[in-house]
Amino acid sequence: MGAGPVPEILHRVLIALAWLVRLRLVPTLYPFAPLMFQVINILRWGEHRGGMFVEIEGLDAEHKPVRRSGT
């Protein structure tokens, strides 16, 4: 499972900016939201499908193997 902006460099920039907030060097990242949105739409390489895929395996009530998946 993965989540975050793609390409990965944008994710790393977001992490760095979050550290600025954590260290109280910047009060909020809210002003950067429109800029990040523009950058994500300009840089069109990487995965653009978004979302999440989950797969679960286990045993049912009769102890038979069962697998469920969904998006």
N, C-alpha and C. Protein backbone atom coordinates (compact mmCIF):
# COMPACT_ATOMS: atom_id res chain seq x y z
N MET A 1 0.86 -1.16 0.00
CA MET A 1 0.00 0.00 0.00
C MET A 1 0.90 1.22 0.00
N GLY A 2 0.55 2.18 -0.77
CA GLY A 2 1.30 3.42 -0.80
C GLY A 2 0.36 4.60 -0.90
N ALA A 3 0.80 5.71 -0.39
CA ALA A 3 -0.01 6.92 -0.48
C ALA A 3 0.92 8.12 -0.49
N GLY A 4 0.50 9.16 -1.15
CA GLY A 4 1.30 10.37 -1.21
C GLY A 4 1.43 10.86 -2.63
N PRO A 5 1.94 12.07 -2.80
CA PRO A 5 2.09 12.61 -4.14
C PRO A 5 3.16 11.86 -4.94
N VAL A 6 2.93 11.76 -6.22
CA VAL A 6 3.87 11.12 -7.13
C VAL A 6 4.21 12.13 -8.19
N PRO A 7 5.42 12.32 -8.61
CA PRO A 7 6.60 11.52 -8.36
C PRO A 7 7.11 11.64 -6.93
N GLU A 8 7.95 10.71 -6.54
CA GLU A 8 8.41 10.61 -5.15
C GLU A 8 9.07 11.88 -4.64
N ILE A 9 9.72 12.62 -5.50
CA ILE A 9 10.39 13.85 -5.06
C ILE A 9 9.38 14.82 -4.43
N LEU A 10 8.15 14.84 -4.93
CA LEU A 10 7.12 15.71 -4.34
C LEU A 10 6.76 15.24 -2.94
N HIS A 11 6.75 13.93 -2.75
CA HIS A 11 6.48 13.38 -1.43
C HIS A 11 7.58 13.80 -0.46
N ARG A 12 8.83 13.73 -0.92
CA ARG A 12 9.97 14.13 -0.08
C ARG A 12 9.91 15.62 0.27
N VAL A 13 9.51 16.45 -0.69
CA VAL A 13 9.36 17.89 -0.43
C VAL A 13 8.28 18.12 0.62
N LEU A 14 7.18 17.40 0.50
CA LEU A 14 6.09 17.53 1.47
C LEU A 14 6.56 17.12 2.87
N ILE A 15 7.34 16.06 2.96
CA ILE A 15 7.89 15.63 4.24
C ILE A 15 8.78 16.73 4.83
N ALA A 16 9.64 17.30 3.99
CA ALA A 16 10.53 18.37 4.45
C ALA A 16 9.73 19.58 4.94
N LEU A 17 8.69 19.95 4.19
CA LEU A 17 7.85 21.07 4.62
C LEU A 17 7.13 20.76 5.92
N ALA A 18 6.70 19.53 6.09
CA ALA A 18 6.03 19.13 7.33
C ALA A 18 6.97 19.26 8.52
N TRP A 19 8.25 18.96 8.29
CA TRP A 19 9.23 19.13 9.37
C TRP A 19 9.39 20.60 9.76
N LEU A 20 9.26 21.49 8.79
CA LEU A 20 9.33 22.91 9.12
C LEU A 20 8.20 23.31 10.07
N VAL A 21 7.03 22.73 9.85
CA VAL A 21 5.90 22.99 10.75
C VAL A 21 6.16 22.35 12.11
N ARG A 22 6.63 21.13 12.09
CA ARG A 22 6.90 20.42 13.34
C ARG A 22 7.92 21.17 14.20
N LEU A 23 8.92 21.75 13.56
CA LEU A 23 9.93 22.52 14.28
C LEU A 23 9.50 23.95 14.57
N ARG A 24 8.27 24.26 14.19
CA ARG A 24 7.66 25.59 14.41
C ARG A 24 8.41 26.71 13.69
N LEU A 25 9.03 26.36 12.55
CA LEU A 25 9.67 27.38 11.72
C LEU A 25 8.67 27.99 10.75
N VAL A 26 7.60 27.25 10.46
CA VAL A 26 6.50 27.70 9.60
C VAL A 26 5.21 27.33 10.34
N PRO A 27 4.25 28.25 10.46
CA PRO A 27 3.05 27.94 11.24
C PRO A 27 2.11 26.93 10.57
N THR A 28 2.02 26.97 9.24
CA THR A 28 1.10 26.09 8.53
C THR A 28 1.56 25.92 7.08
N LEU A 29 1.15 24.82 6.47
CA LEU A 29 1.46 24.59 5.05
C LEU A 29 0.29 25.00 4.15
N TYR A 30 -0.77 25.47 4.75
CA TYR A 30 -1.95 25.84 3.97
C TYR A 30 -1.64 26.76 2.79
N PRO A 31 -0.79 27.78 2.93
CA PRO A 31 -0.49 28.65 1.79
C PRO A 31 0.21 27.92 0.64
N PHE A 32 0.84 26.78 0.93
CA PHE A 32 1.56 26.04 -0.11
C PHE A 32 0.64 25.10 -0.90
N ALA A 33 -0.58 24.89 -0.44
CA ALA A 33 -1.49 23.94 -1.10
C ALA A 33 -1.72 24.26 -2.58
N PRO A 34 -2.03 25.51 -2.96
CA PRO A 34 -2.23 25.79 -4.39
C PRO A 34 -0.96 25.54 -5.21
N LEU A 35 0.19 25.88 -4.65
CA LEU A 35 1.45 25.64 -5.35
C LEU A 35 1.70 24.14 -5.55
N MET A 36 1.49 23.35 -4.50
CA MET A 36 1.67 21.89 -4.62
C MET A 36 0.71 21.32 -5.66
N PHE A 37 -0.52 21.81 -5.67
CA PHE A 37 -1.51 21.34 -6.64
C PHE A 37 -1.04 21.64 -8.07
N GLN A 38 -0.53 22.85 -8.29
CA GLN A 38 -0.02 23.21 -9.61
C GLN A 38 1.16 22.34 -10.01
N VAL A 39 2.08 22.15 -9.10
CA VAL A 39 3.27 21.34 -9.40
C VAL A 39 2.89 19.91 -9.75
N ILE A 40 1.97 19.33 -8.98
CA ILE A 40 1.55 17.95 -9.25
C ILE A 40 0.90 17.85 -10.63
N ASN A 41 0.17 18.89 -11.03
CA ASN A 41 -0.47 18.86 -12.35
C ASN A 41 0.50 19.17 -13.48
N ILE A 42 1.58 19.86 -13.20
CA ILE A 42 2.58 20.16 -14.24
C ILE A 42 3.52 18.98 -14.44
N LEU A 43 3.99 18.39 -13.34
CA LEU A 43 4.89 17.24 -13.42
C LEU A 43 4.06 15.98 -13.63
N ARG A 44 3.96 15.55 -14.84
CA ARG A 44 3.06 14.47 -15.20
C ARG A 44 3.72 13.10 -15.32
N TRP A 45 4.89 12.89 -14.71
CA TRP A 45 5.45 11.55 -14.76
C TRP A 45 5.09 10.83 -13.48
N GLY A 46 5.13 9.51 -13.52
CA GLY A 46 4.81 8.71 -12.34
C GLY A 46 3.40 8.15 -12.41
N GLU A 47 2.96 7.61 -11.32
CA GLU A 47 1.65 6.97 -11.21
C GLU A 47 0.57 8.01 -10.98
N HIS A 48 -0.50 7.97 -11.77
CA HIS A 48 -1.56 8.97 -11.64
C HIS A 48 -2.93 8.35 -11.40
N ARG A 49 -2.96 7.10 -11.00
CA ARG A 49 -4.25 6.47 -10.77
C ARG A 49 -4.80 6.76 -9.38
N GLY A 50 -3.94 6.94 -8.41
CA GLY A 50 -4.38 7.23 -7.05
C GLY A 50 -5.19 6.10 -6.46
N GLY A 51 -5.53 6.22 -5.22
CA GLY A 51 -6.36 5.23 -4.57
C GLY A 51 -5.54 4.22 -3.78
N MET A 52 -6.20 3.16 -3.37
CA MET A 52 -5.56 2.16 -2.54
C MET A 52 -6.16 0.81 -2.87
N PHE A 53 -5.34 -0.23 -2.83
CA PHE A 53 -5.78 -1.60 -3.05
C PHE A 53 -5.50 -2.39 -1.78
N VAL A 54 -6.49 -3.14 -1.30
CA VAL A 54 -6.34 -3.92 -0.07
C VAL A 54 -6.65 -5.38 -0.38
N GLU A 55 -5.80 -6.28 0.12
CA GLU A 55 -6.04 -7.71 -0.02
C GLU A 55 -5.87 -8.35 1.35
N ILE A 56 -6.85 -9.15 1.76
CA ILE A 56 -6.85 -9.79 3.07
C ILE A 56 -6.98 -11.29 2.88
N GLU A 57 -6.16 -12.04 3.60
CA GLU A 57 -6.23 -13.50 3.57
C GLU A 57 -6.46 -14.01 4.98
N GLY A 58 -7.20 -15.10 5.09
CA GLY A 58 -7.44 -15.68 6.41
C GLY A 58 -8.26 -16.94 6.29
N LEU A 59 -8.92 -17.30 7.38
CA LEU A 59 -9.77 -18.49 7.42
C LEU A 59 -11.20 -18.07 7.69
N ASP A 60 -12.15 -18.76 7.04
CA ASP A 60 -13.56 -18.47 7.30
C ASP A 60 -14.03 -19.23 8.53
N ALA A 61 -15.31 -19.21 8.82
CA ALA A 61 -15.87 -19.85 10.01
C ALA A 61 -15.66 -21.36 10.00
N GLU A 62 -15.51 -21.93 8.81
CA GLU A 62 -15.29 -23.37 8.68
C GLU A 62 -13.80 -23.70 8.54
N HIS A 63 -12.96 -22.73 8.83
CA HIS A 63 -11.49 -22.87 8.78
C HIS A 63 -10.96 -23.17 7.38
N LYS A 64 -11.67 -22.71 6.37
CA LYS A 64 -11.21 -22.83 4.99
C LYS A 64 -10.50 -21.53 4.60
N PRO A 65 -9.43 -21.63 3.81
CA PRO A 65 -8.72 -20.41 3.38
C PRO A 65 -9.65 -19.50 2.56
N VAL A 66 -9.57 -18.24 2.82
CA VAL A 66 -10.38 -17.27 2.09
C VAL A 66 -9.54 -16.02 1.83
N ARG A 67 -9.77 -15.39 0.68
CA ARG A 67 -9.06 -14.16 0.30
C ARG A 67 -10.09 -13.15 -0.20
N ARG A 68 -9.98 -11.93 0.28
CA ARG A 68 -10.86 -10.84 -0.14
C ARG A 68 -9.99 -9.67 -0.58
N SER A 69 -10.47 -8.96 -1.59
CA SER A 69 -9.72 -7.79 -2.05
C SER A 69 -10.70 -6.72 -2.48
N GLY A 70 -10.20 -5.50 -2.50
CA GLY A 70 -11.05 -4.39 -2.92
C GLY A 70 -10.22 -3.14 -3.11
N THR A 71 -10.84 -2.14 -3.73
CA THR A 71 -10.16 -0.87 -3.97
C THR A 71 -10.94 0.23 -3.32
